[in-house]
Amino acid sequence: MPETPRHNLLVLYYSLSNYTGTVFEYLEAFSKHSRYNIYYADASLDSMLTYDLESFDGIILFYSLAVQCKTTSPDTPPPPLMRQLRRLSIPKLCILQDEYDCVNQMKAALAYMRIDGLVTCVPPSELARVYGGPELAGLTYIPALTGYVPEPVVRKACPPLAGRKYVLGYRGRPPRFYYGRLGQEKVRIGTEMRRICEERGLAANIETDEYKRLYGDDWFAFLQDCRAVLGVESGSSIFDFDGTLRPAVEEYTREHPDADFETVHALLLHEHEGLIRMNQISPRIFEAILNWTGLVLFEGEYSGVVLPWEHYIPLKKDFSNVDEVLRHVLDDAFLMGMMQRAWRDVIESGRYSYATFIGRLDNWFAERLPDQPRSRMLAGVVAVQDRTGAVRSLHTDTQESFWHALQDVRLGGHFATSLVYERMNYGIPTRYIKKCTFKMIKDDCREWRIEGEDLSGERIKRTRQLACVRQRMRRSLWN
């Protein structure tokens, strides 16, 4: 019996915004879980794509690319890719995150591109206040979280609580003032709980410095060294609709580098504080549950995913119940029971898996796609990987054609763009990389370090200035 042809969806993303593993995981979830054929294209609003987008059955505009819409202005012509997307008659779905700044610019861009559906982290109760207006009257909304349970989901053995190094652990970062009081909670919970643990002689590993953040395997190993980790809701308690608050705050803090949050808030932000509720669960809470680590969280809603005393120990924001909190953290039976319930309800249930989420997006497309796909996509092999791990082109024309092809073709289950990204940004040929992690080592986001190992197991380390990388990528991707 012939196989029923599947529809073809094109995911547009921007590779230079894919800094974290969470972003790659989100992107890769489409090809892993969608019922449709998924194709990827690395794109920028400044450049039109050189192939026929109408051959696809639908478009997904991923947030690493969609964020560029915030820089558009009604006073200047729309960028080429926006004009190209506007002309398409196929269903167009846009995925957004960090929706609390340049809202008006984003709304205008969505309306101009004639986007049909929006995957949004804005709570349903706040949608009318954020995206309301006649220009988006026909838009459908799909509620989403900022991330989902990391994959693959493997039921790890729970390390004995008695043998863990730390009672409490935490890694936060100093938030920008324009995220409001909600952002400041990331530092406040860490600073105060570190002081309390020091006073009581409790072993804790709590840091709120950017340079002390952990990534990849280092982060997961840290989680299993802690009985519990601290956490707060993510998001912003201030919405910057016209994009003027951020530059105003940045200008003031440049002129007054010693200004604290309360001073800046009173001068520039207090009128905007708390007008729209945008509190979200952080993907790091999923990671803690997956690694059998307890949760001590500021009281909050956490998108309804975890519940106080059922899945986490609630800490009052004035720290008035800290004695009760620490007593339960040190209670093996209580903490183990809470971790088991969290695993059962959050991980094992599958409610918050990428598979479930992608299924919802598939259902949205299913209501809008024709019975038969517009085209049958034909693909051929463009490259091979030999026994040493070296990747080489099957074509004998130019190296430029080879690396251009790799942008839109996935090899061995990995994004080919990530191969180009590693090769170009860090000067390490792809064949040398077996695995790698990224660590930001400067607060201004300009310097990054890649750490990994080559095929022989030897450790490799490279550091690059991000600004120089961007300039080189703009000048020529193929050198």
Protein backbone atom coordinates (compact mmCIF):
# COMPACT_ATOMS: atom_id res chain seq x y z
CA MET A 1 0.00 0.00 0.00
CA PRO A 2 1.58 3.32 -1.01
CA GLU A 3 2.57 5.65 1.78
CA THR A 4 0.31 8.67 2.22
CA PRO A 5 2.30 11.79 1.25
CA ARG A 6 3.02 14.11 4.13
CA HIS A 7 2.75 17.87 4.08
CA ASN A 8 5.94 19.93 4.22
CA LEU A 9 6.60 22.68 6.76
CA LEU A 10 9.52 25.08 6.66
CA VAL A 11 10.99 26.37 9.93
CA LEU A 12 12.77 29.72 9.56
CA TYR A 13 15.32 30.54 12.27
CA TYR A 14 18.44 32.65 12.80
CA SER A 15 21.52 30.66 13.74
CA LEU A 16 23.45 33.46 15.46
CA SER A 17 20.68 33.65 18.08
CA ASN A 18 20.90 29.94 18.91
CA TYR A 19 23.36 30.33 21.80
CA THR A 20 21.85 27.90 24.27
CA GLY A 21 21.08 24.21 24.22
CA THR A 22 17.47 25.00 25.04
CA VAL A 23 17.04 26.84 21.73
CA PHE A 24 18.53 23.98 19.71
CA GLU A 25 16.37 21.49 21.61
CA TYR A 26 13.24 23.52 20.88
CA LEU A 27 14.13 23.69 17.16
CA GLU A 28 15.00 20.02 16.88
CA ALA A 29 11.70 19.04 18.51
CA PHE A 30 9.86 19.82 15.27
CA SER A 31 11.75 17.19 13.27
CA LYS A 32 11.54 14.69 16.13
CA HIS A 33 7.85 14.92 16.88
CA SER A 34 5.89 16.51 14.05
CA ARG A 35 3.65 14.35 11.88
CA TYR A 36 4.77 16.50 8.92
CA ASN A 37 8.01 16.69 6.96
CA ILE A 38 10.10 19.41 8.58
CA TYR A 39 12.71 21.50 6.75
CA TYR A 40 14.93 24.18 8.28
CA ALA A 41 16.29 27.38 6.78
CA ASP A 42 18.75 29.75 8.43
CA ALA A 43 17.43 33.21 7.56
CA SER A 44 17.60 36.91 8.34
CA LEU A 45 14.97 39.58 7.76
CA ASP A 46 17.54 41.52 5.75
CA SER A 47 17.73 38.87 2.99
CA MET A 48 15.13 37.17 0.84
CA LEU A 49 15.26 33.38 0.55
CA THR A 50 16.23 32.25 -2.93
CA TYR A 51 13.78 29.37 -3.30
CA ASP A 52 10.04 29.13 -3.80
CA LEU A 53 8.36 29.27 -0.39
CA GLU A 54 4.95 28.57 -1.95
CA SER A 55 6.14 25.01 -2.57
CA PHE A 56 5.82 24.39 1.15
CA ASP A 57 2.49 23.82 2.86
CA GLY A 58 3.21 26.03 5.86
CA ILE A 59 5.78 28.31 7.47
CA ILE A 60 6.97 28.43 11.09
CA LEU A 61 8.74 31.66 12.02
CA PHE A 62 10.86 30.72 15.03
CA TYR A 63 11.56 33.23 17.78
CA SER A 64 15.32 33.41 17.14
CA LEU A 65 14.42 35.04 13.82
CA ALA A 66 11.12 36.69 14.79
CA VAL A 67 12.91 38.79 17.43
CA GLN A 68 14.41 40.84 14.59
CA CYS A 69 10.94 42.29 13.98
CA LYS A 70 11.42 44.40 17.11
CA THR A 71 13.96 46.54 15.26
CA THR A 72 11.63 47.37 12.38
CA SER A 73 9.96 50.76 12.07
CA PRO A 74 6.88 52.04 10.20
CA ASP A 75 9.05 54.93 9.03
CA THR A 76 11.31 52.65 6.95
CA PRO A 77 10.54 50.07 4.24
CA PRO A 78 9.90 46.54 5.59
CA PRO A 79 12.92 44.20 5.34
CA PRO A 80 13.07 41.89 2.30
CA LEU A 81 12.08 38.67 4.10
CA MET A 82 9.04 40.34 5.68
CA ARG A 83 7.91 41.40 2.20
CA GLN A 84 8.46 37.86 0.94
CA LEU A 85 6.42 36.35 3.78
CA ARG A 86 3.60 38.86 3.29
CA ARG A 87 3.02 37.58 -0.25
CA LEU A 88 2.62 33.94 0.81
CA SER A 89 -0.84 32.38 0.77
CA ILE A 90 0.11 29.36 2.92
CA PRO A 91 -0.52 29.19 6.70
CA LYS A 92 2.09 31.11 8.70
CA LEU A 93 2.75 30.44 12.38
CA CYS A 94 5.01 32.68 14.49
CA ILE A 95 6.60 31.60 17.78
CA LEU A 96 7.53 34.37 20.21
CA GLN A 97 9.32 34.65 23.54
CA ASP A 98 10.44 37.62 25.65
CA GLU A 99 7.36 39.51 24.51
CA TYR A 100 7.59 42.35 27.02
CA ASP A 101 9.53 44.89 24.96
CA CYS A 102 8.90 46.63 21.60
CA VAL A 103 5.36 45.23 21.62
CA ASN A 104 4.01 47.79 19.15
CA GLN A 105 6.76 47.07 16.63
CA MET A 106 6.08 43.34 16.89
CA LYS A 107 2.33 43.80 16.45
CA ALA A 108 2.88 45.89 13.34
CA ALA A 109 5.26 43.27 11.91
CA LEU A 110 2.83 40.41 12.58
CA ALA A 111 0.05 42.34 10.87
CA TYR A 112 2.25 43.26 7.89
CA MET A 113 3.40 39.65 7.33
CA ARG A 114 -0.23 38.48 7.66
CA ILE A 115 0.66 35.92 10.29
CA ASP A 116 -2.20 33.49 10.92
CA GLY A 117 -1.23 32.01 14.29
CA LEU A 118 0.87 33.14 17.25
CA VAL A 119 2.54 30.85 19.78
CA THR A 120 2.76 33.08 22.83
CA CYS A 121 3.86 32.97 26.46
CA VAL A 122 1.47 35.80 27.37
CA PRO A 123 -1.21 34.40 29.72
CA PRO A 124 -4.67 34.19 28.10
CA SER A 125 -6.02 36.71 30.60
CA GLU A 126 -3.57 39.33 29.31
CA LEU A 127 -3.75 38.69 25.55
CA ALA A 128 -6.27 41.45 24.82
CA ARG A 129 -4.15 44.02 26.65
CA VAL A 130 -0.96 43.01 24.84
CA TYR A 131 -2.11 42.09 21.33
CA GLY A 132 -5.56 43.65 21.19
CA GLY A 133 -6.50 45.91 18.30
CA PRO A 134 -8.06 45.65 14.84
CA GLU A 135 -4.74 44.97 13.07
CA LEU A 136 -4.54 41.47 14.62
CA ALA A 137 -8.25 40.71 14.70
CA GLY A 138 -7.94 37.46 12.74
CA LEU A 139 -4.95 36.09 14.66
CA THR A 140 -5.32 32.81 16.56
CA TYR A 141 -3.32 32.26 19.75
CA ILE A 142 -1.64 29.10 20.99
CA PRO A 143 -0.48 29.36 24.62
CA ALA A 144 2.98 28.01 25.30
CA LEU A 145 5.70 27.79 27.94
CA THR A 146 9.20 29.20 27.50
CA GLY A 147 10.53 25.63 27.34
CA TYR A 148 9.61 22.03 28.00
CA VAL A 149 11.03 18.92 29.61
CA PRO A 150 14.56 18.34 28.26
CA GLU A 151 15.09 15.35 25.98
CA PRO A 152 15.77 12.52 26.03
CA VAL A 153 13.74 11.74 29.14
CA VAL A 154 15.70 9.05 30.94
CA ARG A 155 14.62 7.94 34.39
CA LYS A 156 17.85 8.51 36.26
CA ALA A 157 18.67 6.87 39.54
CA CYS A 158 18.06 9.27 42.40
CA PRO A 159 21.35 9.97 44.22
CA PRO A 160 20.98 9.36 47.97
CA LEU A 161 19.97 12.57 49.71
CA ALA A 162 22.33 11.91 52.59
CA GLY A 163 25.35 11.97 50.29
CA ARG A 164 24.66 15.29 48.55
CA LYS A 165 27.20 18.06 49.08
CA TYR A 166 24.82 20.99 49.48
CA VAL A 167 21.58 21.65 51.29
CA LEU A 168 20.71 24.38 48.81
CA GLY A 169 22.09 25.40 45.43
CA TYR A 170 21.38 28.24 43.05
CA ARG A 171 22.70 30.00 39.99
CA GLY A 172 21.19 33.34 39.03
CA ARG A 173 22.28 36.37 37.12
CA PRO A 174 21.94 40.11 37.77
CA PRO A 175 18.78 41.13 35.86
CA ARG A 176 18.35 44.28 33.82
CA PHE A 177 16.49 47.00 35.68
CA TYR A 178 13.88 47.36 32.94
CA TYR A 179 12.48 43.89 33.73
CA GLY A 180 11.02 45.38 36.90
CA ARG A 181 10.66 43.94 40.38
CA LEU A 182 10.02 40.42 39.11
CA GLY A 183 13.48 40.35 37.58
CA GLN A 184 15.08 41.55 40.81
CA GLU A 185 13.78 38.48 42.62
CA LYS A 186 16.50 36.40 40.92
CA VAL A 187 19.19 38.20 42.89
CA ARG A 188 17.22 38.77 46.08
CA ILE A 189 16.42 35.09 46.71
CA GLY A 190 20.05 34.10 46.20
CA THR A 191 21.60 36.90 48.23
CA GLU A 192 19.33 36.47 51.22
CA MET A 193 19.35 32.67 51.32
CA ARG A 194 23.14 32.58 51.06
CA ARG A 195 23.33 34.89 54.08
CA ILE A 196 20.87 32.73 56.02
CA CYS A 197 22.74 29.51 55.22
CA GLU A 198 26.07 31.04 56.21
CA GLU A 199 24.65 32.22 59.54
CA ARG A 200 23.34 28.72 60.28
CA GLY A 201 26.39 26.83 59.09
CA LEU A 202 24.50 25.03 56.32
CA ALA A 203 26.41 23.85 53.26
CA ALA A 204 25.12 25.86 50.32
CA ASN A 205 26.40 26.72 46.86
CA ILE A 206 24.55 29.89 45.90
CA GLU A 207 25.82 32.38 43.33
CA THR A 208 24.25 35.37 41.59
CA ASP A 209 27.26 36.35 39.49
CA GLU A 210 27.18 35.92 35.72
CA TYR A 211 30.65 34.36 35.75
CA LYS A 212 29.51 31.57 38.09
CA ARG A 213 26.72 30.27 35.86
CA LEU A 214 26.85 26.62 34.81
CA TYR A 215 25.88 24.99 31.54
CA GLY A 216 25.45 21.54 30.05
CA ASP A 217 26.83 18.59 31.98
CA ASP A 218 28.29 20.89 34.65
CA TRP A 219 24.80 22.18 35.45
CA PHE A 220 23.25 18.70 35.65
CA ALA A 221 26.07 17.45 37.89
CA PHE A 222 25.53 20.46 40.14
CA LEU A 223 21.81 19.70 40.43
CA GLN A 224 22.52 16.19 41.67
CA ASP A 225 24.91 17.58 44.28
CA CYS A 226 22.07 19.61 45.87
CA ARG A 227 19.22 18.46 48.04
CA ALA A 228 17.19 21.36 46.64
CA VAL A 229 17.66 24.39 44.43
CA LEU A 230 16.17 27.86 44.73
CA GLY A 231 14.00 29.35 42.04
CA VAL A 232 11.71 32.24 41.10
CA GLU A 233 9.23 32.93 38.33
CA SER A 234 10.78 34.19 35.13
CA GLY A 235 9.50 36.95 32.89
CA SER A 236 9.07 40.67 33.41
CA SER A 237 6.75 42.79 35.51
CA ILE A 238 7.15 45.73 33.09
CA PHE A 239 5.98 45.89 29.47
CA ASP A 240 7.79 48.34 27.22
CA PHE A 241 5.24 48.81 24.46
CA ASP A 242 7.05 51.40 22.35
CA GLY A 243 10.63 50.34 23.10
CA THR A 244 11.59 53.57 24.88
CA LEU A 245 12.11 52.30 28.44
CA ARG A 246 15.16 50.16 27.79
CA PRO A 247 17.23 52.88 26.05
CA ALA A 248 16.17 55.38 28.73
CA VAL A 249 17.36 53.05 31.51
CA GLU A 250 20.59 52.24 29.68
CA GLU A 251 21.36 55.92 29.10
CA TYR A 252 20.70 56.81 32.74
CA THR A 253 22.85 53.97 34.11
CA ARG A 254 25.69 54.92 31.76
CA GLU A 255 25.60 58.45 33.14
CA HIS A 256 25.07 57.21 36.72
CA PRO A 257 26.91 53.86 36.96
CA ASP A 258 26.39 53.66 40.74
CA ALA A 259 22.60 54.05 40.54
CA ASP A 260 20.74 51.19 42.20
CA PHE A 261 17.49 49.57 41.12
CA GLU A 262 15.25 51.54 43.48
CA THR A 263 16.60 54.86 42.19
CA VAL A 264 16.12 53.91 38.54
CA HIS A 265 12.73 52.39 39.25
CA ALA A 266 11.45 55.52 40.98
CA LEU A 267 12.66 57.77 38.18
CA LEU A 268 11.75 55.78 35.08
CA LEU A 269 9.84 52.58 35.74
CA HIS A 270 7.34 52.81 38.60
CA GLU A 271 4.44 53.95 36.39
CA HIS A 272 4.79 50.79 34.29
CA GLU A 273 5.30 48.28 37.10
CA GLY A 274 2.83 45.40 37.36
CA LEU A 275 0.33 46.61 34.76
CA ILE A 276 0.49 43.26 32.93
CA ARG A 277 1.22 39.94 34.61
CA MET A 278 3.83 37.95 32.71
CA ASN A 279 5.10 35.50 35.32
CA GLN A 280 6.28 32.21 33.79
CA ILE A 281 7.86 28.93 34.81
CA SER A 282 11.55 28.69 33.97
CA PRO A 283 12.84 25.68 31.96
CA ARG A 284 15.39 25.17 34.73
CA ILE A 285 12.62 23.93 36.99
CA PHE A 286 12.02 21.07 34.55
CA GLU A 287 15.75 20.31 34.62
CA ALA A 288 15.77 20.15 38.43
CA ILE A 289 12.82 17.75 38.52
CA LEU A 290 14.39 15.58 35.82
CA ASN A 291 17.58 15.30 37.91
CA TRP A 292 15.81 14.44 41.18
CA THR A 293 16.49 17.73 42.91
CA GLY A 294 14.02 19.35 45.30
CA LEU A 295 12.61 22.81 44.70
CA VAL A 296 12.47 25.80 47.05
CA LEU A 297 10.63 28.51 45.15
CA PHE A 298 9.29 31.95 45.91
CA GLU A 299 5.51 31.77 46.18
CA GLY A 300 3.97 32.07 42.72
CA GLU A 301 1.85 30.44 40.04
CA TYR A 302 4.61 28.95 37.82
CA SER A 303 2.22 28.65 34.88
CA GLY A 304 0.20 26.10 36.84
CA VAL A 305 2.84 23.42 36.27
CA VAL A 306 4.06 22.95 39.85
CA LEU A 307 2.00 23.41 43.01
CA PRO A 308 3.13 24.52 46.51
CA TRP A 309 3.72 21.69 48.99
CA GLU A 310 2.82 19.20 46.28
CA HIS A 311 5.82 19.72 43.99
CA TYR A 312 7.83 22.49 45.65
CA ILE A 313 8.46 24.08 49.04
CA PRO A 314 7.08 27.64 48.95
CA LEU A 315 9.32 30.38 50.36
CA LYS A 316 7.62 33.63 51.32
CA LYS A 317 9.15 36.67 49.69
CA ASP A 318 9.81 38.27 53.08
CA PHE A 319 11.59 35.04 54.18
CA SER A 320 9.35 34.83 57.24
CA ASN A 321 8.89 31.04 56.88
CA VAL A 322 12.55 30.20 56.26
CA ASP A 323 12.74 27.98 59.38
CA GLU A 324 9.88 25.83 58.09
CA VAL A 325 11.42 25.70 54.62
CA LEU A 326 14.82 24.53 55.83
CA ARG A 327 13.25 21.96 58.15
CA HIS A 328 11.50 20.33 55.20
CA VAL A 329 14.61 20.51 52.99
CA LEU A 330 16.51 18.53 55.65
CA ASP A 331 13.71 15.95 56.01
CA ASP A 332 14.68 13.03 53.74
CA ALA A 333 11.26 11.37 53.67
CA PHE A 334 9.40 14.59 52.97
CA LEU A 335 11.79 15.75 50.25
CA MET A 336 11.85 12.34 48.52
CA GLY A 337 8.05 12.20 48.46
CA MET A 338 7.88 15.68 46.93
CA MET A 339 10.45 14.82 44.24
CA GLN A 340 8.54 11.63 43.36
CA ARG A 341 5.28 13.54 42.95
CA ALA A 342 7.01 16.14 40.79
CA TRP A 343 8.50 13.44 38.57
CA ARG A 344 5.13 11.69 38.25
CA ASP A 345 3.05 14.79 37.49
CA VAL A 346 5.52 16.86 35.46
CA ILE A 347 7.84 14.38 33.73
CA GLU A 348 6.10 11.01 33.57
CA SER A 349 2.69 12.43 32.68
CA GLY A 350 4.03 13.79 29.38
CA ARG A 351 1.94 16.95 29.74
CA TYR A 352 4.96 19.19 29.42
CA SER A 353 6.93 17.24 26.80
CA TYR A 354 8.00 18.64 23.46
CA ALA A 355 6.04 15.83 21.81
CA THR A 356 2.79 17.06 23.37
CA PHE A 357 3.55 20.67 22.48
CA ILE A 358 4.47 19.92 18.86
CA GLY A 359 1.30 17.85 18.60
CA ARG A 360 -0.73 20.96 19.43
CA LEU A 361 1.02 22.91 16.67
CA ASP A 362 0.41 20.05 14.25
CA ASN A 363 -3.30 20.20 15.09
CA TRP A 364 -3.32 23.91 14.29
CA PHE A 365 -1.82 23.24 10.86
CA ALA A 366 -4.13 20.26 10.27
CA GLU A 367 -7.13 22.60 10.38
CA ARG A 368 -5.61 24.81 7.67
CA LEU A 369 -3.76 22.51 5.28
CA PRO A 370 -5.25 21.10 2.07
CA ASP A 371 -5.93 17.36 1.78
CA GLN A 372 -2.83 16.82 -0.34
CA PRO A 373 0.59 18.51 -0.04
CA ARG A 374 1.43 21.18 -2.59
CA SER A 375 4.69 19.53 -3.58
CA ARG A 376 6.82 16.48 -3.16
CA MET A 377 10.22 17.50 -1.87
CA LEU A 378 13.13 15.80 -3.61
CA ALA A 379 16.43 15.60 -1.73
CA GLY A 380 19.80 14.11 -2.47
CA VAL A 381 22.97 13.42 -0.52
CA VAL A 382 25.26 16.45 -0.41
CA ALA A 383 27.94 15.18 1.96
CA VAL A 384 29.38 12.13 3.65
CA GLN A 385 31.15 11.52 6.95
CA ASP A 386 34.03 9.05 6.79
CA ARG A 387 35.25 6.68 9.50
CA THR A 388 37.42 9.35 11.08
CA GLY A 389 34.43 11.65 11.46
CA ALA A 390 35.52 14.01 8.68
CA VAL A 391 32.68 15.60 6.70
CA ARG A 392 33.31 16.20 3.01
CA SER A 393 31.26 17.22 0.00
CA LEU A 394 30.23 14.75 -2.67
CA HIS A 395 30.39 17.57 -5.19
CA THR A 396 33.52 18.72 -6.92
CA ASP A 397 32.50 22.30 -7.67
CA THR A 398 33.20 24.75 -4.86
CA GLN A 399 33.55 24.68 -1.11
CA GLU A 400 31.11 27.57 -1.06
CA SER A 401 28.34 25.42 -2.55
CA PHE A 402 29.06 22.70 0.00
CA TRP A 403 28.75 24.89 3.07
CA HIS A 404 25.73 26.66 1.61
CA ALA A 405 24.01 23.28 1.20
CA LEU A 406 24.84 22.34 4.77
CA GLN A 407 22.84 25.29 6.05
CA ASP A 408 19.55 23.69 5.12
CA VAL A 409 20.34 19.97 5.40
CA ARG A 410 20.53 18.02 8.65
CA LEU A 411 23.31 15.45 8.99
CA GLY A 412 23.14 12.60 11.46
CA GLY A 413 20.22 14.08 13.33
CA HIS A 414 22.04 17.37 14.00
CA PHE A 415 21.45 20.77 12.53
CA ALA A 416 23.86 21.27 9.70
CA THR A 417 23.84 24.95 10.58
CA SER A 418 25.37 24.06 13.93
CA LEU A 419 28.23 22.45 12.03
CA VAL A 420 28.77 25.66 10.09
CA TYR A 421 28.34 27.67 13.28
CA GLU A 422 31.00 25.69 15.15
CA ARG A 423 33.32 25.69 12.15
CA MET A 424 33.09 29.41 11.44
CA ASN A 425 32.68 30.92 14.87
CA TYR A 426 35.35 28.99 16.66
CA GLY A 427 37.82 28.07 13.94
CA ILE A 428 37.52 24.36 14.75
CA PRO A 429 36.88 22.12 11.73
CA THR A 430 33.70 20.12 12.22
CA ARG A 431 35.53 16.79 11.97
CA TYR A 432 37.39 17.58 15.19
CA ILE A 433 34.31 18.12 17.32
CA LYS A 434 32.82 15.16 19.13
CA LYS A 435 30.83 17.13 21.67
CA CYS A 436 30.96 20.65 23.00
CA THR A 437 29.46 23.06 25.49
CA PHE A 438 29.25 26.84 25.42
CA LYS A 439 30.05 29.11 28.33
CA MET A 440 29.68 32.86 28.42
CA ILE A 441 32.69 34.22 30.25
CA LYS A 442 32.11 37.95 30.02
CA ASP A 443 29.06 39.88 31.15
CA ASP A 444 28.90 41.98 27.97
CA CYS A 445 28.14 38.83 25.92
CA ARG A 446 31.04 39.48 23.55
CA GLU A 447 33.32 36.64 24.51
CA TRP A 448 32.45 32.96 24.43
CA ARG A 449 34.33 29.77 25.11
CA ILE A 450 33.79 26.43 23.46
CA GLU A 451 34.88 23.37 25.37
CA GLY A 452 34.69 19.81 24.11
CA GLU A 453 36.72 16.87 23.00
CA ASP A 454 37.95 15.61 19.67
CA LEU A 455 37.47 12.12 18.29
CA SER A 456 40.45 10.79 20.24
CA GLY A 457 39.00 12.09 23.49
CA GLU A 458 41.50 14.92 23.87
CA ARG A 459 40.05 18.05 25.46
CA ILE A 460 39.87 21.17 23.33
CA LYS A 461 39.20 24.76 24.34
CA ARG A 462 38.75 27.80 22.14
CA THR A 463 37.73 31.37 22.92
CA ARG A 464 36.39 33.88 20.42
CA GLN A 465 35.22 37.45 20.52
CA LEU A 466 31.56 37.35 19.50
CA ALA A 467 31.68 40.79 17.90
CA CYS A 468 34.52 39.70 15.60
CA VAL A 469 32.64 36.53 14.76
CA ARG A 470 29.58 38.49 13.71
CA GLN A 471 31.67 40.75 11.49
CA ARG A 472 33.33 37.77 9.85
CA MET A 473 30.01 36.03 9.31
CA ARG A 474 28.60 39.13 7.67
CA ARG A 475 31.65 39.56 5.47
CA SER A 476 31.73 36.00 4.20
CA LEU A 477 30.29 32.81 5.62
CA TRP A 478 32.43 30.68 3.43
CA ASN A 479 36.04 31.71 4.14
